[in-house]
Amino acid sequence: MSEHNIVAITPYLQATDVDAMVRFFVEVLGFKAWVQRWDFAYVQREAAAVRIGKASDGPEERHDAGPRAFLFYLDVRDVDALVEEIRPKLLAAGMSGGQGPKDQSWGQREFWVPLPEGGLILFGQQIGAATP
C-alpha cells in the first residue's frame, strides 16, 4: 500500500430528516450540497465536507452522546468573521445563537454551534500556544 493512500477524513452525520439537515448546513453554515437524495447527502464548504445519512429508528442507532456532545471540529482562519456570518442565521432559524467565541487555554478561539437534531459543531481558530 502506498504511504499516500489516505486523501481525506470526512465526518458522517446521521439525521432523521436529511433534507432539514442539508438545509441547515447550506442556509445557516454556508455549505454547498453536492449530492442530495432522500437518504444521503454530501455537503462541502471550502476544505470541510460532511456526509449526511438517513438514520433509522432501530435500537442500534441510539446512543447517549453525553453532555459535551460535539460532533465536528472545524479549524478556521477567522472565527469572529464566521460568528458574524452564522449567528444571525441561527437566530433567524429560531435556534440559539451558539456559544462564544471564547478564547481557550489550549490556544484556540472557539465558537460552538448547535445542530438541529442535537450535538454541536465547533469552529476554532488558533490564537496562540496552549497553556498548562
C-alpha atoms as a PDB file:
ATOM      1  CA  MET A   1       0.000   0.000   0.000  1.00  0.00           C
ATOM      2  CA  SER A   2       1.234   3.483  -0.838  1.00  0.00           C
ATOM      3  CA  GLU A   3       2.164   5.723   2.070  1.00  0.00           C
ATOM      4  CA  HIS A   4      -0.048   8.421   0.477  1.00  0.00           C
ATOM      5  CA  ASN A   5      -3.210   6.350   0.125  1.00  0.00           C
ATOM      6  CA  ILE A   6      -5.489   8.268   2.526  1.00  0.00           C
ATOM      7  CA  VAL A   7      -6.667  11.522   0.952  1.00  0.00           C
ATOM      8  CA  ALA A   8      -9.215  12.892   3.462  1.00  0.00           C
ATOM      9  CA  ILE A   9     -11.320  12.188   6.513  1.00  0.00           C
ATOM     10  CA  THR A  10     -14.990  13.048   6.183  1.00  0.00           C
ATOM     11  CA  PRO A  11     -17.322  13.095   9.194  1.00  0.00           C
ATOM     12  CA  TYR A  12     -20.523  11.090   8.758  1.00  0.00           C
ATOM     13  CA  LEU A  13     -23.588  12.541  10.469  1.00  0.00           C
ATOM     14  CA  GLN A  14     -26.831  10.605  10.787  1.00  0.00           C
ATOM     15  CA  ALA A  15     -30.063  12.591  10.731  1.00  0.00           C
ATOM     16  CA  THR A  16     -33.722  11.614  10.967  1.00  0.00           C
ATOM     17  CA  ASP A  17     -34.506  14.333   8.400  1.00  0.00           C
ATOM     18  CA  VAL A  18     -31.730  14.511   5.801  1.00  0.00           C
ATOM     19  CA  ASP A  19     -33.371  17.384   3.881  1.00  0.00           C
ATOM     20  CA  ALA A  20     -33.692  19.547   7.001  1.00  0.00           C
ATOM     21  CA  MET A  21     -30.077  18.864   7.994  1.00  0.00           C
ATOM     22  CA  VAL A  22     -28.877  19.747   4.487  1.00  0.00           C
ATOM     23  CA  ARG A  23     -30.884  22.997   4.589  1.00  0.00           C
ATOM     24  CA  PHE A  24     -29.194  23.846   7.906  1.00  0.00           C
ATOM     25  CA  PHE A  25     -25.718  23.195   6.506  1.00  0.00           C
ATOM     26  CA  VAL A  26     -26.472  25.168   3.324  1.00  0.00           C
ATOM     27  CA  GLU A  27     -28.614  28.052   4.594  1.00  0.00           C
ATOM     28  CA  VAL A  28     -27.064  28.583   8.032  1.00  0.00           C
ATOM     29  CA  LEU A  29     -23.485  27.296   7.806  1.00  0.00           C
ATOM     30  CA  GLY A  30     -22.825  28.249   4.165  1.00  0.00           C
ATOM     31  CA  PHE A  31     -22.014  24.794   2.779  1.00  0.00           C
ATOM     32  CA  LYS A  32     -22.895  23.660  -0.762  1.00  0.00           C
ATOM     33  CA  ALA A  33     -24.796  20.411  -1.360  1.00  0.00           C
ATOM     34  CA  TRP A  34     -23.003  18.347  -3.984  1.00  0.00           C
ATOM     35  CA  VAL A  35     -25.143  15.222  -3.610  1.00  0.00           C
ATOM     36  CA  GLN A  36     -28.619  15.153  -2.104  1.00  0.00           C
ATOM     37  CA  ARG A  37     -31.054  12.251  -2.025  1.00  0.00           C
ATOM     38  CA  TRP A  38     -33.761  11.328   0.469  1.00  0.00           C
ATOM     39  CA  ASP A  39     -31.324   9.087   2.351  1.00  0.00           C
ATOM     40  CA  PHE A  40     -27.896  10.645   1.790  1.00  0.00           C
ATOM     41  CA  ALA A  41     -26.157  13.956   1.132  1.00  0.00           C
ATOM     42  CA  TYR A  42     -22.638  15.273   0.735  1.00  0.00           C
ATOM     43  CA  VAL A  43     -22.083  18.916   1.694  1.00  0.00           C
ATOM     44  CA  GLN A  44     -18.895  20.937   1.477  1.00  0.00           C
ATOM     45  CA  ARG A  45     -17.555  24.367   2.352  1.00  0.00           C
ATOM     46  CA  GLU A  46     -14.002  25.063   1.262  1.00  0.00           C
ATOM     47  CA  ALA A  47     -11.846  22.183   2.583  1.00  0.00           C
ATOM     48  CA  ALA A  48     -14.507  20.858   5.000  1.00  0.00           C
ATOM     49  CA  ALA A  49     -17.036  18.236   3.928  1.00  0.00           C
ATOM     50  CA  VAL A  50     -19.701  16.236   5.771  1.00  0.00           C
ATOM     51  CA  ARG A  51     -21.649  13.162   4.691  1.00  0.00           C
ATOM     52  CA  ILE A  52     -25.226  13.093   5.996  1.00  0.00           C
ATOM     53  CA  GLY A  53     -27.074   9.768   6.072  1.00  0.00           C
ATOM     54  CA  LYS A  54     -30.631   8.822   6.961  1.00  0.00           C
ATOM     55  CA  ALA A  55     -30.804   7.420  10.487  1.00  0.00           C
ATOM     56  CA  SER A  56     -33.109   4.533  11.208  1.00  0.00           C
ATOM     57  CA  ASP A  57     -35.232   4.187  14.320  1.00  0.00           C
ATOM     58  CA  GLY A  58     -33.574   0.919  15.272  1.00  0.00           C
ATOM     59  CA  PRO A  59     -32.023   0.450  18.715  1.00  0.00           C
ATOM     60  CA  GLU A  60     -28.548   0.209  17.143  1.00  0.00           C
ATOM     61  CA  GLU A  61     -28.895   3.863  16.065  1.00  0.00           C
ATOM     62  CA  ARG A  62     -29.492   5.161  19.593  1.00  0.00           C
ATOM     63  CA  HIS A  63     -26.675   6.207  21.878  1.00  0.00           C
ATOM     64  CA  ASP A  64     -26.103   8.746  24.590  1.00  0.00           C
ATOM     65  CA  ALA A  65     -23.639  11.275  23.262  1.00  0.00           C
ATOM     66  CA  GLY A  66     -23.067  12.819  26.672  1.00  0.00           C
ATOM     67  CA  PRO A  67     -23.195  16.389  27.957  1.00  0.00           C
ATOM     68  CA  ARG A  68     -20.410  17.723  25.700  1.00  0.00           C
ATOM     69  CA  ALA A  69     -21.661  16.136  22.510  1.00  0.00           C
ATOM     70  CA  PHE A  70     -19.675  17.887  19.828  1.00  0.00           C
ATOM     71  CA  LEU A  71     -19.537  16.036  16.558  1.00  0.00           C
ATOM     72  CA  PHE A  72     -17.106  18.037  14.417  1.00  0.00           C
ATOM     73  CA  TYR A  73     -14.285  20.487  14.965  1.00  0.00           C
ATOM     74  CA  LEU A  74     -13.545  22.757  12.016  1.00  0.00           C
ATOM     75  CA  ASP A  75     -10.325  24.740  12.068  1.00  0.00           C
ATOM     76  CA  VAL A  76     -10.801  28.223  10.592  1.00  0.00           C
ATOM     77  CA  ARG A  77      -8.649  31.278   9.960  1.00  0.00           C
ATOM     78  CA  ASP A  78     -11.082  33.887  11.366  1.00  0.00           C
ATOM     79  CA  VAL A  79     -13.652  32.621  13.875  1.00  0.00           C
ATOM     80  CA  ASP A  80     -15.043  36.107  14.532  1.00  0.00           C
ATOM     81  CA  ALA A  81     -15.921  36.559  10.843  1.00  0.00           C
ATOM     82  CA  LEU A  82     -17.685  33.194  10.948  1.00  0.00           C
ATOM     83  CA  VAL A  83     -19.646  34.229  14.060  1.00  0.00           C
ATOM     84  CA  GLU A  84     -20.757  37.402  12.253  1.00  0.00           C
ATOM     85  CA  GLU A  85     -21.936  35.317   9.313  1.00  0.00           C
ATOM     86  CA  ILE A  86     -23.587  32.408  11.124  1.00  0.00           C
ATOM     87  CA  ARG A  87     -25.069  33.824  14.369  1.00  0.00           C
ATOM     88  CA  PRO A  88     -27.788  35.923  12.629  1.00  0.00           C
ATOM     89  CA  LYS A  89     -28.793  32.876  10.569  1.00  0.00           C
ATOM     90  CA  LEU A  90     -29.018  30.704  13.695  1.00  0.00           C
ATOM     91  CA  LEU A  91     -31.234  33.277  15.418  1.00  0.00           C
ATOM     92  CA  ALA A  92     -33.401  33.713  12.291  1.00  0.00           C
ATOM     93  CA  ALA A  93     -33.898  29.929  12.276  1.00  0.00           C
ATOM     94  CA  GLY A  94     -35.219  30.108  15.852  1.00  0.00           C
ATOM     95  CA  MET A  95     -32.122  28.477  17.325  1.00  0.00           C
ATOM     96  CA  SER A  96     -29.737  29.727  19.972  1.00  0.00           C
ATOM     97  CA  GLY A  97     -27.008  31.974  18.624  1.00  0.00           C
ATOM     98  CA  GLY A  98     -24.359  29.448  19.583  1.00  0.00           C
ATOM     99  CA  GLN A  99     -21.770  29.849  22.319  1.00  0.00           C
ATOM    100  CA  GLY A 100     -18.712  32.029  22.158  1.00  0.00           C
ATOM    101  CA  PRO A 101     -16.499  32.983  20.634  1.00  0.00           C
ATOM    102  CA  LYS A 102     -14.297  32.252  23.604  1.00  0.00           C
ATOM    103  CA  ASP A 103     -10.531  32.148  23.977  1.00  0.00           C
ATOM    104  CA  GLN A 104      -9.498  28.789  25.427  1.00  0.00           C
ATOM    105  CA  SER A 105      -6.388  27.984  27.478  1.00  0.00           C
ATOM    106  CA  TRP A 106      -5.341  25.460  24.809  1.00  0.00           C
ATOM    107  CA  GLY A 107      -4.661  28.282  22.329  1.00  0.00           C
ATOM    108  CA  GLN A 108      -7.907  28.208  20.360  1.00  0.00           C
ATOM    109  CA  ARG A 109     -10.705  30.781  19.995  1.00  0.00           C
ATOM    110  CA  GLU A 110     -13.902  28.719  19.660  1.00  0.00           C
ATOM    111  CA  PHE A 111     -17.499  29.136  18.551  1.00  0.00           C
ATOM    112  CA  TRP A 112     -19.957  26.329  19.394  1.00  0.00           C
ATOM    113  CA  VAL A 113     -22.933  25.865  17.036  1.00  0.00           C
ATOM    114  CA  PRO A 114     -25.912  23.623  17.899  1.00  0.00           C
ATOM    115  CA  LEU A 115     -27.167  21.149  15.303  1.00  0.00           C
ATOM    116  CA  PRO A 116     -30.929  20.879  14.680  1.00  0.00           C
ATOM    117  CA  GLU A 117     -31.111  17.264  15.930  1.00  0.00           C
ATOM    118  CA  GLY A 118     -28.697  17.690  18.833  1.00  0.00           C
ATOM    119  CA  GLY A 119     -24.953  17.819  19.158  1.00  0.00           C
ATOM    120  CA  LEU A 120     -22.566  20.627  18.339  1.00  0.00           C
ATOM    121  CA  ILE A 121     -20.144  21.756  15.676  1.00  0.00           C
ATOM    122  CA  LEU A 122     -17.129  23.664  16.973  1.00  0.00           C
ATOM    123  CA  PHE A 123     -15.292  26.215  14.878  1.00  0.00           C
ATOM    124  CA  GLY A 124     -11.837  27.040  16.208  1.00  0.00           C
ATOM    125  CA  GLN A 125      -9.079  29.480  15.345  1.00  0.00           C
ATOM    126  CA  GLN A 126      -5.540  29.075  16.617  1.00  0.00           C
ATOM    127  CA  ILE A 127      -4.669  32.154  18.648  1.00  0.00           C
ATOM    128  CA  GLY A 128      -1.509  31.075  20.437  1.00  0.00           C
ATOM    129  CA  ALA A 129       0.297  28.306  22.172  1.00  0.00           C
ATOM    130  CA  ALA A 130      -1.556  26.174  24.688  1.00  0.00           C
ATOM    131  CA  THR A 131      -1.005  26.976  28.347  1.00  0.00           C
ATOM    132  CA  PRO A 132      -0.857  24.367  31.103  1.00  0.00           C
END
